[in-house]
N, C-alpha and C. Protein backbone atom coordinates (compact mmCIF):
# COMPACT_ATOMS: atom_id res chain seq x y z
N MET A 1 164.32 -156.78 -70.50
CA MET A 1 165.03 -158.04 -70.60
C MET A 1 164.51 -158.81 -71.82
N LEU A 2 165.41 -159.37 -72.58
CA LEU A 2 165.07 -160.13 -73.78
C LEU A 2 165.15 -161.62 -73.48
N THR A 3 164.11 -162.36 -73.87
CA THR A 3 164.13 -163.80 -73.74
C THR A 3 163.76 -164.42 -75.08
N LEU A 4 164.23 -165.64 -75.30
CA LEU A 4 163.94 -166.38 -76.52
C LEU A 4 163.35 -167.73 -76.14
N ARG A 5 162.45 -168.22 -77.00
CA ARG A 5 161.97 -169.58 -76.81
C ARG A 5 161.37 -170.11 -78.10
N VAL A 6 161.37 -171.43 -78.22
CA VAL A 6 160.77 -172.10 -79.36
C VAL A 6 159.25 -171.99 -79.23
N VAL A 7 158.60 -171.79 -80.36
CA VAL A 7 157.14 -171.64 -80.42
C VAL A 7 156.56 -172.86 -81.13
N GLY A 8 155.50 -173.40 -80.58
CA GLY A 8 154.85 -174.56 -81.19
C GLY A 8 153.65 -174.16 -82.05
N PRO A 9 153.26 -175.03 -82.98
CA PRO A 9 152.13 -174.72 -83.87
C PRO A 9 150.80 -174.65 -83.13
N ASP A 10 150.75 -175.19 -81.91
CA ASP A 10 149.52 -175.13 -81.13
C ASP A 10 149.33 -173.76 -80.46
N GLU A 11 150.34 -172.92 -80.51
CA GLU A 11 150.25 -171.57 -79.94
C GLU A 11 149.73 -170.62 -81.02
N VAL A 12 148.51 -170.85 -81.43
CA VAL A 12 147.95 -170.20 -82.61
C VAL A 12 147.93 -168.68 -82.47
N GLU A 13 147.47 -168.17 -81.36
CA GLU A 13 147.37 -166.71 -81.20
C GLU A 13 148.76 -166.07 -81.21
N LEU A 14 149.71 -166.68 -80.53
CA LEU A 14 151.08 -166.15 -80.54
C LEU A 14 151.65 -166.22 -81.96
N CYS A 15 151.45 -167.32 -82.66
CA CYS A 15 151.94 -167.45 -84.03
C CYS A 15 151.33 -166.37 -84.93
N ARG A 16 150.04 -166.09 -84.72
CA ARG A 16 149.39 -165.03 -85.50
C ARG A 16 150.06 -163.68 -85.24
N ARG A 17 150.32 -163.39 -83.97
CA ARG A 17 150.98 -162.13 -83.62
C ARG A 17 152.38 -162.06 -84.22
N LEU A 18 153.11 -163.16 -84.14
CA LEU A 18 154.47 -163.18 -84.70
C LEU A 18 154.43 -163.01 -86.21
N GLY A 19 153.48 -163.64 -86.87
CA GLY A 19 153.34 -163.48 -88.32
C GLY A 19 153.11 -162.04 -88.71
N GLN A 20 152.29 -161.32 -87.95
CA GLN A 20 152.05 -159.91 -88.23
C GLN A 20 153.31 -159.08 -88.00
N ILE A 21 154.07 -159.42 -86.96
CA ILE A 21 155.33 -158.70 -86.70
C ILE A 21 156.29 -158.87 -87.86
N VAL A 22 156.46 -160.11 -88.32
CA VAL A 22 157.38 -160.37 -89.43
C VAL A 22 156.91 -159.66 -90.69
N LEU A 23 155.63 -159.76 -90.99
CA LEU A 23 155.11 -159.08 -92.18
C LEU A 23 155.33 -157.58 -92.10
N GLU A 24 155.01 -156.97 -90.98
CA GLU A 24 155.19 -155.52 -90.84
C GLU A 24 156.66 -155.13 -90.97
N ALA A 25 157.56 -155.95 -90.43
CA ALA A 25 158.99 -155.65 -90.55
C ALA A 25 159.42 -155.68 -92.02
N TYR A 26 158.94 -156.66 -92.77
CA TYR A 26 159.28 -156.76 -94.19
C TYR A 26 158.64 -155.62 -94.99
N LEU A 27 157.39 -155.29 -94.68
CA LEU A 27 156.71 -154.22 -95.42
C LEU A 27 157.34 -152.86 -95.18
N ALA A 28 158.01 -152.69 -94.04
CA ALA A 28 158.64 -151.40 -93.72
C ALA A 28 159.95 -151.17 -94.47
N LEU A 29 160.46 -152.19 -95.16
CA LEU A 29 161.74 -152.06 -95.86
C LEU A 29 161.59 -151.25 -97.14
N ALA A 30 162.44 -150.27 -97.29
CA ALA A 30 162.44 -149.47 -98.52
C ALA A 30 162.91 -150.33 -99.69
N ASP A 31 162.38 -150.08 -100.84
CA ASP A 31 162.75 -150.76 -102.09
C ASP A 31 162.38 -152.24 -102.10
N ARG A 32 161.53 -152.66 -101.20
CA ARG A 32 161.08 -154.05 -101.15
C ARG A 32 160.19 -154.34 -102.36
N PRO A 33 160.46 -155.44 -103.05
CA PRO A 33 159.58 -155.78 -104.18
C PRO A 33 158.23 -156.28 -103.68
N ASP A 34 157.21 -156.05 -104.45
CA ASP A 34 155.86 -156.50 -104.11
C ASP A 34 155.75 -157.99 -104.41
N ASP A 35 155.36 -158.78 -103.41
CA ASP A 35 155.22 -160.22 -103.59
C ASP A 35 154.14 -160.74 -102.63
N PRO A 36 152.86 -160.60 -102.99
CA PRO A 36 151.77 -161.01 -102.10
C PRO A 36 151.84 -162.48 -101.68
N GLY A 37 152.32 -163.37 -102.53
CA GLY A 37 152.44 -164.77 -102.16
C GLY A 37 153.42 -164.97 -101.01
N TYR A 38 154.54 -164.27 -101.07
CA TYR A 38 155.53 -164.38 -100.00
C TYR A 38 155.00 -163.74 -98.72
N GLU A 39 154.24 -162.67 -98.86
CA GLU A 39 153.66 -162.03 -97.68
C GLU A 39 152.76 -163.02 -96.94
N GLN A 40 152.02 -163.84 -97.67
CA GLN A 40 151.19 -164.87 -97.02
C GLN A 40 152.05 -165.90 -96.32
N GLU A 41 153.19 -166.24 -96.92
CA GLU A 41 154.10 -167.19 -96.29
C GLU A 41 154.69 -166.61 -95.01
N LEU A 42 155.03 -165.33 -95.02
CA LEU A 42 155.58 -164.68 -93.83
C LEU A 42 154.60 -164.72 -92.66
N VAL A 43 153.32 -164.54 -92.94
CA VAL A 43 152.29 -164.50 -91.91
C VAL A 43 152.02 -165.89 -91.32
N ASP A 44 152.24 -166.95 -92.07
CA ASP A 44 151.83 -168.29 -91.66
C ASP A 44 152.86 -168.97 -90.75
N VAL A 45 153.01 -168.43 -89.57
CA VAL A 45 153.95 -168.98 -88.60
C VAL A 45 153.48 -170.34 -88.09
N VAL A 46 152.19 -170.57 -88.02
CA VAL A 46 151.68 -171.87 -87.58
C VAL A 46 152.22 -172.98 -88.48
N ALA A 47 152.15 -172.78 -89.79
CA ALA A 47 152.64 -173.81 -90.72
C ALA A 47 154.14 -174.01 -90.56
N ARG A 48 154.89 -172.92 -90.41
CA ARG A 48 156.34 -173.07 -90.23
C ARG A 48 156.67 -173.79 -88.94
N ALA A 49 155.95 -173.45 -87.87
CA ALA A 49 156.22 -174.08 -86.58
C ALA A 49 155.88 -175.57 -86.59
N ALA A 50 155.01 -175.98 -87.51
CA ALA A 50 154.66 -177.40 -87.62
C ALA A 50 155.73 -178.21 -88.34
N SER A 51 156.57 -177.55 -89.15
CA SER A 51 157.54 -178.29 -89.95
C SER A 51 158.99 -177.83 -89.76
N ALA A 52 159.19 -176.80 -88.96
CA ALA A 52 160.53 -176.26 -88.71
C ALA A 52 160.57 -175.74 -87.28
N THR A 53 161.69 -175.18 -86.88
CA THR A 53 161.83 -174.61 -85.54
C THR A 53 161.66 -173.10 -85.63
N VAL A 54 160.63 -172.60 -85.00
CA VAL A 54 160.39 -171.16 -84.93
C VAL A 54 160.76 -170.69 -83.53
N VAL A 55 161.61 -169.69 -83.48
CA VAL A 55 162.05 -169.13 -82.21
C VAL A 55 161.56 -167.70 -82.12
N ALA A 56 160.94 -167.37 -80.99
CA ALA A 56 160.41 -166.03 -80.77
C ALA A 56 161.26 -165.29 -79.75
N ALA A 57 161.34 -163.98 -79.94
CA ALA A 57 162.00 -163.09 -79.00
C ALA A 57 160.92 -162.29 -78.27
N PHE A 58 161.12 -162.11 -76.97
CA PHE A 58 160.17 -161.37 -76.13
C PHE A 58 160.93 -160.34 -75.31
N HIS A 59 160.36 -159.15 -75.20
CA HIS A 59 160.86 -158.16 -74.25
C HIS A 59 159.96 -158.25 -73.02
N GLY A 60 160.59 -158.29 -71.85
CA GLY A 60 159.83 -158.37 -70.62
C GLY A 60 159.29 -157.01 -70.23
N GLY A 61 158.23 -157.05 -69.48
CA GLY A 61 157.64 -155.83 -68.94
C GLY A 61 157.75 -155.85 -67.44
N PRO A 62 156.77 -155.26 -66.78
CA PRO A 62 156.76 -155.33 -65.32
C PRO A 62 156.70 -156.79 -64.87
N PRO A 63 157.13 -157.08 -63.65
CA PRO A 63 157.18 -158.47 -63.19
C PRO A 63 155.86 -159.23 -63.32
N ASP A 64 154.74 -158.56 -63.20
CA ASP A 64 153.46 -159.25 -63.26
C ASP A 64 152.83 -159.23 -64.65
N ALA A 65 153.54 -158.72 -65.65
CA ALA A 65 153.00 -158.62 -67.01
C ALA A 65 153.57 -159.72 -67.90
N GLU A 66 152.81 -160.06 -68.92
CA GLU A 66 153.27 -161.02 -69.92
C GLU A 66 154.39 -160.41 -70.76
N PRO A 67 155.42 -161.19 -71.08
CA PRO A 67 156.44 -160.67 -72.01
C PRO A 67 155.80 -160.35 -73.36
N VAL A 68 156.32 -159.36 -74.03
CA VAL A 68 155.76 -158.89 -75.31
C VAL A 68 156.58 -159.48 -76.45
N PRO A 69 155.92 -160.19 -77.39
CA PRO A 69 156.67 -160.73 -78.53
C PRO A 69 157.14 -159.58 -79.42
N VAL A 70 158.43 -159.65 -79.81
CA VAL A 70 158.99 -158.58 -80.64
C VAL A 70 159.58 -159.09 -81.95
N GLY A 71 159.65 -160.41 -82.13
CA GLY A 71 160.19 -160.93 -83.38
C GLY A 71 160.34 -162.43 -83.35
N CYS A 72 160.69 -162.97 -84.51
CA CYS A 72 160.93 -164.41 -84.59
C CYS A 72 161.79 -164.74 -85.80
N VAL A 73 162.24 -165.97 -85.83
CA VAL A 73 163.05 -166.51 -86.92
C VAL A 73 162.68 -167.97 -87.10
N THR A 74 162.83 -168.45 -88.32
CA THR A 74 162.60 -169.87 -88.61
C THR A 74 163.95 -170.53 -88.87
N TYR A 75 164.31 -171.48 -88.01
CA TYR A 75 165.58 -172.20 -88.11
C TYR A 75 165.34 -173.52 -88.84
N LEU A 76 166.22 -173.83 -89.77
CA LEU A 76 166.15 -175.06 -90.55
C LEU A 76 167.44 -175.83 -90.33
N GLY A 77 167.33 -176.95 -89.67
CA GLY A 77 168.52 -177.71 -89.27
C GLY A 77 169.27 -178.36 -90.40
N ASP A 78 168.61 -178.55 -91.55
CA ASP A 78 169.31 -179.16 -92.68
C ASP A 78 168.56 -178.85 -93.98
N ALA A 79 169.12 -179.35 -95.06
CA ALA A 79 168.59 -179.04 -96.40
C ALA A 79 167.33 -179.82 -96.74
N THR A 80 166.97 -180.80 -95.92
CA THR A 80 165.79 -181.61 -96.24
C THR A 80 164.48 -180.95 -95.84
N ASN A 81 164.53 -179.91 -95.04
CA ASN A 81 163.31 -179.24 -94.62
C ASN A 81 162.65 -178.55 -95.81
N GLU A 82 161.34 -178.62 -95.87
CA GLU A 82 160.60 -178.04 -96.99
C GLU A 82 160.81 -176.54 -97.17
N HIS A 83 161.26 -175.86 -96.13
CA HIS A 83 161.50 -174.41 -96.22
C HIS A 83 162.94 -174.07 -96.58
N ALA A 84 163.81 -175.06 -96.66
CA ALA A 84 165.23 -174.80 -96.95
C ALA A 84 165.41 -174.26 -98.37
N GLU A 85 166.34 -173.34 -98.50
CA GLU A 85 166.65 -172.73 -99.80
C GLU A 85 168.06 -173.12 -100.26
N HIS A 86 168.55 -174.23 -99.79
CA HIS A 86 169.89 -174.69 -100.17
C HIS A 86 169.89 -176.21 -100.23
N ASP A 87 170.93 -176.77 -100.81
CA ASP A 87 171.03 -178.23 -100.88
C ASP A 87 172.32 -178.76 -100.28
N ASP A 88 172.98 -177.97 -99.48
CA ASP A 88 174.23 -178.37 -98.83
C ASP A 88 173.92 -179.27 -97.64
N PRO A 89 174.33 -180.55 -97.67
CA PRO A 89 174.00 -181.47 -96.57
C PRO A 89 174.70 -181.14 -95.25
N ASP A 90 175.71 -180.29 -95.29
CA ASP A 90 176.45 -179.93 -94.09
C ASP A 90 176.02 -178.60 -93.50
N ALA A 91 174.97 -178.00 -94.06
CA ALA A 91 174.58 -176.65 -93.65
C ALA A 91 173.20 -176.64 -92.97
N ALA A 92 173.06 -175.69 -92.08
CA ALA A 92 171.77 -175.29 -91.53
C ALA A 92 171.46 -173.93 -92.16
N SER A 93 170.28 -173.43 -91.91
CA SER A 93 169.92 -172.10 -92.41
C SER A 93 168.83 -171.50 -91.52
N PHE A 94 168.55 -170.25 -91.77
CA PHE A 94 167.39 -169.64 -91.14
C PHE A 94 166.76 -168.69 -92.14
N ARG A 95 165.49 -168.43 -91.92
CA ARG A 95 164.72 -167.59 -92.83
C ARG A 95 163.71 -166.77 -92.04
N MET A 96 163.17 -165.81 -92.74
CA MET A 96 162.02 -165.04 -92.26
C MET A 96 162.25 -164.45 -90.87
N LEU A 97 163.44 -163.90 -90.68
CA LEU A 97 163.76 -163.20 -89.44
C LEU A 97 163.12 -161.83 -89.50
N GLY A 98 162.32 -161.52 -88.52
CA GLY A 98 161.67 -160.20 -88.47
C GLY A 98 161.54 -159.72 -87.05
N VAL A 99 161.76 -158.43 -86.86
CA VAL A 99 161.62 -157.79 -85.56
C VAL A 99 160.68 -156.60 -85.72
N ALA A 100 159.79 -156.42 -84.76
CA ALA A 100 158.85 -155.30 -84.80
C ALA A 100 159.60 -154.01 -85.00
N THR A 101 159.09 -153.16 -85.87
CA THR A 101 159.79 -151.92 -86.18
C THR A 101 160.03 -151.09 -84.92
N ALA A 102 159.09 -151.07 -83.99
CA ALA A 102 159.26 -150.29 -82.76
C ALA A 102 160.32 -150.90 -81.85
N GLY A 103 160.63 -152.18 -82.03
CA GLY A 103 161.60 -152.85 -81.17
C GLY A 103 162.96 -153.05 -81.80
N GLN A 104 163.15 -152.54 -83.02
CA GLN A 104 164.43 -152.75 -83.69
C GLN A 104 165.53 -151.94 -83.03
N GLY A 105 166.75 -152.45 -83.13
CA GLY A 105 167.89 -151.77 -82.53
C GLY A 105 168.08 -152.07 -81.06
N ARG A 106 167.32 -153.03 -80.53
CA ARG A 106 167.42 -153.37 -79.11
C ARG A 106 167.98 -154.77 -78.89
N GLY A 107 168.51 -155.40 -79.95
CA GLY A 107 169.21 -156.67 -79.80
C GLY A 107 168.44 -157.92 -80.14
N ALA A 108 167.17 -157.81 -80.49
CA ALA A 108 166.38 -159.01 -80.77
C ALA A 108 166.87 -159.73 -82.03
N GLY A 109 167.15 -159.00 -83.08
CA GLY A 109 167.63 -159.61 -84.32
C GLY A 109 168.96 -160.32 -84.12
N ARG A 110 169.85 -159.69 -83.39
CA ARG A 110 171.16 -160.30 -83.09
C ARG A 110 170.97 -161.55 -82.23
N ALA A 111 170.11 -161.47 -81.23
CA ALA A 111 169.88 -162.63 -80.35
C ALA A 111 169.27 -163.80 -81.11
N LEU A 112 168.32 -163.52 -82.00
CA LEU A 112 167.72 -164.59 -82.79
C LEU A 112 168.74 -165.22 -83.73
N THR A 113 169.57 -164.38 -84.34
CA THR A 113 170.62 -164.90 -85.22
C THR A 113 171.61 -165.75 -84.43
N GLN A 114 172.01 -165.27 -83.26
CA GLN A 114 172.95 -166.02 -82.42
C GLN A 114 172.35 -167.35 -81.99
N TRP A 115 171.06 -167.37 -81.71
CA TRP A 115 170.39 -168.63 -81.35
C TRP A 115 170.56 -169.63 -82.49
N CYS A 116 170.37 -169.17 -83.72
CA CYS A 116 170.51 -170.06 -84.89
C CYS A 116 171.94 -170.56 -85.04
N ILE A 117 172.90 -169.69 -84.81
CA ILE A 117 174.31 -170.08 -84.89
C ILE A 117 174.61 -171.16 -83.84
N ASP A 118 174.18 -170.90 -82.61
CA ASP A 118 174.43 -171.86 -81.53
C ASP A 118 173.75 -173.20 -81.81
N ARG A 119 172.54 -173.16 -82.30
CA ARG A 119 171.81 -174.40 -82.60
C ARG A 119 172.49 -175.17 -83.73
N ALA A 120 172.93 -174.45 -84.77
CA ALA A 120 173.62 -175.12 -85.88
C ALA A 120 174.89 -175.81 -85.38
N ARG A 121 175.62 -175.15 -84.50
CA ARG A 121 176.82 -175.78 -83.92
C ARG A 121 176.44 -177.03 -83.14
N SER A 122 175.40 -176.93 -82.31
CA SER A 122 175.01 -178.10 -81.51
C SER A 122 174.44 -179.21 -82.39
N ASP A 123 173.91 -178.86 -83.56
CA ASP A 123 173.43 -179.86 -84.52
C ASP A 123 174.57 -180.47 -85.33
N GLY A 124 175.81 -179.99 -85.12
CA GLY A 124 176.96 -180.52 -85.84
C GLY A 124 177.09 -180.03 -87.27
N ARG A 125 176.46 -178.92 -87.60
CA ARG A 125 176.55 -178.38 -88.96
C ARG A 125 177.90 -177.69 -89.17
N GLN A 126 178.35 -177.71 -90.40
CA GLN A 126 179.62 -177.07 -90.75
C GLN A 126 179.47 -175.59 -91.05
N ARG A 127 178.27 -175.21 -91.44
CA ARG A 127 178.04 -173.81 -91.82
C ARG A 127 176.56 -173.47 -91.75
N ILE A 128 176.30 -172.17 -91.78
CA ILE A 128 174.93 -171.67 -91.95
C ILE A 128 174.90 -170.91 -93.27
N LEU A 129 173.93 -171.23 -94.09
CA LEU A 129 173.71 -170.53 -95.36
C LEU A 129 172.39 -169.79 -95.27
N ILE A 130 172.39 -168.53 -95.67
CA ILE A 130 171.15 -167.75 -95.65
C ILE A 130 171.04 -166.94 -96.93
N HIS A 131 169.82 -166.52 -97.20
CA HIS A 131 169.55 -165.63 -98.31
C HIS A 131 168.86 -164.39 -97.76
N SER A 132 169.19 -163.26 -98.33
CA SER A 132 168.64 -162.00 -97.87
C SER A 132 168.39 -161.12 -99.09
N GLY A 133 167.26 -160.45 -99.09
CA GLY A 133 166.95 -159.57 -100.21
C GLY A 133 168.00 -158.49 -100.37
N SER A 134 168.29 -158.14 -101.60
CA SER A 134 169.30 -157.12 -101.88
C SER A 134 168.96 -155.79 -101.21
N TRP A 135 167.70 -155.56 -100.88
CA TRP A 135 167.23 -154.32 -100.26
C TRP A 135 167.32 -154.36 -98.73
N MET A 136 167.74 -155.47 -98.13
CA MET A 136 167.75 -155.64 -96.67
C MET A 136 169.10 -155.21 -96.08
N THR A 137 169.46 -153.98 -96.26
CA THR A 137 170.80 -153.51 -95.90
C THR A 137 171.09 -153.57 -94.41
N ARG A 138 170.11 -153.31 -93.55
CA ARG A 138 170.35 -153.41 -92.10
C ARG A 138 170.66 -154.85 -91.71
N ALA A 139 169.96 -155.79 -92.32
CA ALA A 139 170.23 -157.21 -92.04
C ALA A 139 171.64 -157.58 -92.50
N HIS A 140 172.04 -157.07 -93.67
CA HIS A 140 173.38 -157.38 -94.17
C HIS A 140 174.44 -156.89 -93.19
N ALA A 141 174.23 -155.69 -92.63
CA ALA A 141 175.19 -155.16 -91.66
C ALA A 141 175.25 -156.04 -90.42
N LEU A 142 174.09 -156.48 -89.94
CA LEU A 142 174.04 -157.37 -88.78
C LEU A 142 174.80 -158.66 -89.08
N TYR A 143 174.48 -159.29 -90.21
CA TYR A 143 175.12 -160.56 -90.54
C TYR A 143 176.63 -160.39 -90.68
N GLY A 144 177.07 -159.32 -91.31
CA GLY A 144 178.51 -159.06 -91.44
C GLY A 144 179.18 -158.90 -90.09
N SER A 145 178.51 -158.22 -89.17
CA SER A 145 179.10 -158.01 -87.84
C SER A 145 179.19 -159.32 -87.05
N MET A 146 178.43 -160.33 -87.47
CA MET A 146 178.43 -161.62 -86.78
C MET A 146 179.27 -162.66 -87.51
N GLY A 147 179.98 -162.23 -88.56
CA GLY A 147 180.92 -163.13 -89.23
C GLY A 147 180.42 -163.75 -90.52
N PHE A 148 179.19 -163.48 -90.92
CA PHE A 148 178.70 -163.99 -92.20
C PHE A 148 179.45 -163.31 -93.34
N VAL A 149 179.71 -164.07 -94.37
CA VAL A 149 180.43 -163.57 -95.54
C VAL A 149 179.50 -163.65 -96.74
N ARG A 150 179.52 -162.61 -97.53
CA ARG A 150 178.72 -162.57 -98.76
C ARG A 150 179.21 -163.66 -99.70
N ARG A 151 178.27 -164.45 -100.25
CA ARG A 151 178.60 -165.54 -101.17
C ARG A 151 177.79 -165.38 -102.46
N PRO A 152 178.28 -164.61 -103.43
CA PRO A 152 177.54 -164.40 -104.68
C PRO A 152 177.21 -165.71 -105.41
N ASP A 153 178.00 -166.76 -105.18
CA ASP A 153 177.69 -168.04 -105.83
C ASP A 153 176.39 -168.66 -105.31
N LEU A 154 175.87 -168.15 -104.21
CA LEU A 154 174.61 -168.64 -103.66
C LEU A 154 173.42 -167.75 -104.03
N ASP A 155 173.69 -166.65 -104.73
CA ASP A 155 172.60 -165.73 -105.11
C ASP A 155 171.61 -166.44 -106.01
N TRP A 156 170.37 -166.01 -105.95
CA TRP A 156 169.37 -166.50 -106.89
C TRP A 156 168.24 -165.48 -107.02
N SER A 157 167.51 -165.61 -108.07
CA SER A 157 166.40 -164.70 -108.36
C SER A 157 165.17 -165.52 -108.69
N PHE A 158 164.03 -164.92 -108.44
CA PHE A 158 162.79 -165.56 -108.87
C PHE A 158 161.81 -164.47 -109.30
N GLN A 159 160.88 -164.88 -110.07
CA GLN A 159 159.89 -164.00 -110.67
C GLN A 159 160.54 -162.90 -111.52
N GLY A 160 161.81 -163.05 -111.82
CA GLY A 160 162.51 -162.12 -112.69
C GLY A 160 162.88 -160.78 -112.08
N TYR A 161 162.41 -160.50 -110.85
CA TYR A 161 162.71 -159.18 -110.28
C TYR A 161 163.04 -159.23 -108.78
N ILE A 162 162.99 -160.39 -108.18
CA ILE A 162 163.34 -160.50 -106.76
C ILE A 162 164.69 -161.19 -106.67
N HIS A 163 165.68 -160.45 -106.18
CA HIS A 163 167.06 -160.94 -106.15
C HIS A 163 167.48 -161.17 -104.71
N LEU A 164 167.88 -162.39 -104.43
CA LEU A 164 168.33 -162.75 -103.09
C LEU A 164 169.83 -162.99 -103.08
N TRP A 165 170.48 -162.41 -102.09
CA TRP A 165 171.92 -162.55 -101.95
C TRP A 165 172.21 -163.67 -100.96
N GLY A 166 173.25 -164.45 -101.26
CA GLY A 166 173.67 -165.53 -100.38
C GLY A 166 174.73 -165.07 -99.39
N PHE A 167 174.66 -165.61 -98.18
CA PHE A 167 175.64 -165.36 -97.13
C PHE A 167 175.95 -166.68 -96.46
N ALA A 168 177.15 -166.82 -95.94
CA ALA A 168 177.54 -168.04 -95.23
C ALA A 168 178.35 -167.70 -94.00
N LEU A 169 178.18 -168.51 -93.00
CA LEU A 169 179.02 -168.44 -91.80
C LEU A 169 179.57 -169.85 -91.60
N GLU A 170 180.89 -169.97 -91.71
CA GLU A 170 181.56 -171.26 -91.49
C GLU A 170 181.65 -171.50 -89.98
N LEU A 171 181.26 -172.67 -89.54
CA LEU A 171 181.24 -172.98 -88.12
C LEU A 171 182.37 -173.89 -87.68
N ALA A 172 183.00 -174.57 -88.63
CA ALA A 172 184.05 -175.54 -88.29
C ALA A 172 185.36 -174.83 -88.01
């Protein structure tokens, strides 16, 4: 059974585990550019949870066992958040979605994305804007299956070799 919940910055051990899950998911991607600074950002879930909404996915075990964290996402309700990568006042976004490699293909990524869509709607946003590395082909397939449309006008690059593709989902 998959469950989702918001994680607080005071849940330091859980945030540490989630940071390692996200980092490992990103490191497992073929053709991923090397970016040690971003890797440190991926691991720092405590900082993100202090300034944004971090949602974790858990797979349940036996009834008497603790649910196992399998992934998380950082939801940004508007463009004013320090982690936002857009300036559209009518948009929400999400970033740093990662699912443990052993748990991929079991619905956690889709559930986390759907949580962000539902939250953006309840926040009254007109759209969700996201960026995804050109090498993140499985993520692109997931986003496409959920109605996101590729938006080349939102693409951007940094450090001269890391290219991020823009996607949007209109909610109105």
